[in-house]
Amino acid sequence: MEKGLIALAAALAIAIPALATAWAQSRIGSAGAGAVAEKPELSGVVIILIAIPETMVILGFVIAYLILS
């Protein structure tokens, strides 16, 4: 039972940030597409803004690793 709860905690540590990242990137992507359509010089900034939420998933992997080890 204990190993199952540990595995569930590790899965949640990855799943919740992944869902939050997907939601954030969908909002940033649609706004970024509109911004790039009006000002093409903002494309570099939009790429950086889309990449920032990915750090949540990476930190989720780190937490899951710490939970499992």
C-alpha atoms as a PDB file:
ATOM      1  CA  MET A   1       0.000   0.000   0.000  1.00  0.00           C
ATOM      2  CA  GLU A   2       2.810   2.388   0.880  1.00  0.00           C
ATOM      3  CA  LYS A   3       4.602   1.878  -2.445  1.00  0.00           C
ATOM      4  CA  GLY A   4       1.360   2.552  -4.303  1.00  0.00           C
ATOM      5  CA  LEU A   5       0.865   5.871  -2.514  1.00  0.00           C
ATOM      6  CA  ILE A   6       4.461   6.865  -3.225  1.00  0.00           C
ATOM      7  CA  ALA A   7       3.967   6.062  -6.914  1.00  0.00           C
ATOM      8  CA  LEU A   8       0.721   8.045  -6.942  1.00  0.00           C
ATOM      9  CA  ALA A   9       2.458  11.025  -5.349  1.00  0.00           C
ATOM     10  CA  ALA A  10       5.221  10.892  -7.963  1.00  0.00           C
ATOM     11  CA  ALA A  11       2.656  10.663 -10.767  1.00  0.00           C
ATOM     12  CA  LEU A  12       0.770  13.655  -9.407  1.00  0.00           C
ATOM     13  CA  ALA A  13       4.028  15.597  -9.094  1.00  0.00           C
ATOM     14  CA  ILE A  14       4.412  15.276 -12.861  1.00  0.00           C
ATOM     15  CA  ALA A  15       0.782  15.335 -14.003  1.00  0.00           C
ATOM     16  CA  ILE A  16      -0.412  18.501 -12.270  1.00  0.00           C
ATOM     17  CA  PRO A  17       2.439  20.740 -13.501  1.00  0.00           C
ATOM     18  CA  ALA A  18       2.093  19.209 -16.976  1.00  0.00           C
ATOM     19  CA  LEU A  19      -1.581  20.155 -17.130  1.00  0.00           C
ATOM     20  CA  ALA A  20      -0.849  23.646 -15.799  1.00  0.00           C
ATOM     21  CA  THR A  21       1.905  24.070 -18.370  1.00  0.00           C
ATOM     22  CA  ALA A  22      -0.379  22.975 -21.198  1.00  0.00           C
ATOM     23  CA  TRP A  23      -3.017  25.483 -20.099  1.00  0.00           C
ATOM     24  CA  ALA A  24      -0.460  28.307 -19.773  1.00  0.00           C
ATOM     25  CA  GLN A  25       1.145  27.552 -23.120  1.00  0.00           C
ATOM     26  CA  SER A  26      -2.218  27.524 -24.867  1.00  0.00           C
ATOM     27  CA  ARG A  27      -2.957  31.010 -23.537  1.00  0.00           C
ATOM     28  CA  ILE A  28       0.530  32.328 -24.254  1.00  0.00           C
ATOM     29  CA  GLY A  29       0.585  30.731 -27.708  1.00  0.00           C
ATOM     30  CA  SER A  30      -2.657  32.308 -28.850  1.00  0.00           C
ATOM     31  CA  ALA A  31      -1.700  35.724 -27.506  1.00  0.00           C
ATOM     32  CA  GLY A  32       1.795  35.354 -28.955  1.00  0.00           C
ATOM     33  CA  ALA A  33       0.446  34.479 -32.387  1.00  0.00           C
ATOM     34  CA  GLY A  34      -1.613  37.650 -32.362  1.00  0.00           C
ATOM     35  CA  ALA A  35       1.345  39.730 -31.215  1.00  0.00           C
ATOM     36  CA  VAL A  36       3.656  38.290 -33.881  1.00  0.00           C
ATOM     37  CA  ALA A  37       1.020  38.925 -36.545  1.00  0.00           C
ATOM     38  CA  GLU A  38       1.049  42.617 -35.629  1.00  0.00           C
ATOM     39  CA  LYS A  39       4.758  42.999 -34.799  1.00  0.00           C
ATOM     40  CA  PRO A  40       7.014  40.292 -36.309  1.00  0.00           C
ATOM     41  CA  GLU A  41      10.015  41.525 -34.291  1.00  0.00           C
ATOM     42  CA  LEU A  42       8.417  40.069 -31.138  1.00  0.00           C
ATOM     43  CA  SER A  43       8.932  36.477 -32.267  1.00  0.00           C
ATOM     44  CA  GLY A  44      12.004  35.942 -30.058  1.00  0.00           C
ATOM     45  CA  VAL A  45      10.188  37.223 -26.981  1.00  0.00           C
ATOM     46  CA  VAL A  46       7.185  34.997 -27.699  1.00  0.00           C
ATOM     47  CA  ILE A  47       9.404  31.914 -28.009  1.00  0.00           C
ATOM     48  CA  ILE A  48      10.974  32.687 -24.620  1.00  0.00           C
ATOM     49  CA  LEU A  49       7.560  33.248 -23.035  1.00  0.00           C
ATOM     50  CA  ILE A  50       6.344  29.901 -24.365  1.00  0.00           C
ATOM     51  CA  ALA A  51       9.439  28.127 -22.997  1.00  0.00           C
ATOM     52  CA  ILE A  52       9.198  29.556 -19.456  1.00  0.00           C
ATOM     53  CA  PRO A  53       6.248  27.387 -18.277  1.00  0.00           C
ATOM     54  CA  GLU A  54       8.184  24.248 -19.309  1.00  0.00           C
ATOM     55  CA  THR A  55      10.299  24.739 -16.194  1.00  0.00           C
ATOM     56  CA  MET A  56       7.276  23.664 -14.127  1.00  0.00           C
ATOM     57  CA  VAL A  57       7.333  20.237 -15.777  1.00  0.00           C
ATOM     58  CA  ILE A  58      11.085  19.934 -15.284  1.00  0.00           C
ATOM     59  CA  LEU A  59      10.671  20.781 -11.596  1.00  0.00           C
ATOM     60  CA  GLY A  60       7.854  18.220 -11.430  1.00  0.00           C
ATOM     61  CA  PHE A  61      10.264  15.574 -12.727  1.00  0.00           C
ATOM     62  CA  VAL A  62      12.792  16.604 -10.074  1.00  0.00           C
ATOM     63  CA  ILE A  63      10.202  16.354  -7.306  1.00  0.00           C
ATOM     64  CA  ALA A  64       9.025  12.964  -8.601  1.00  0.00           C
ATOM     65  CA  TYR A  65      12.612  11.742  -8.602  1.00  0.00           C
ATOM     66  CA  LEU A  66      13.076  12.952  -5.028  1.00  0.00           C
ATOM     67  CA  ILE A  67       9.847  11.243  -3.972  1.00  0.00           C
ATOM     68  CA  LEU A  68      10.875   7.937  -5.553  1.00  0.00           C
ATOM     69  CA  SER A  69      14.432   7.941  -4.231  1.00  0.00           C
END
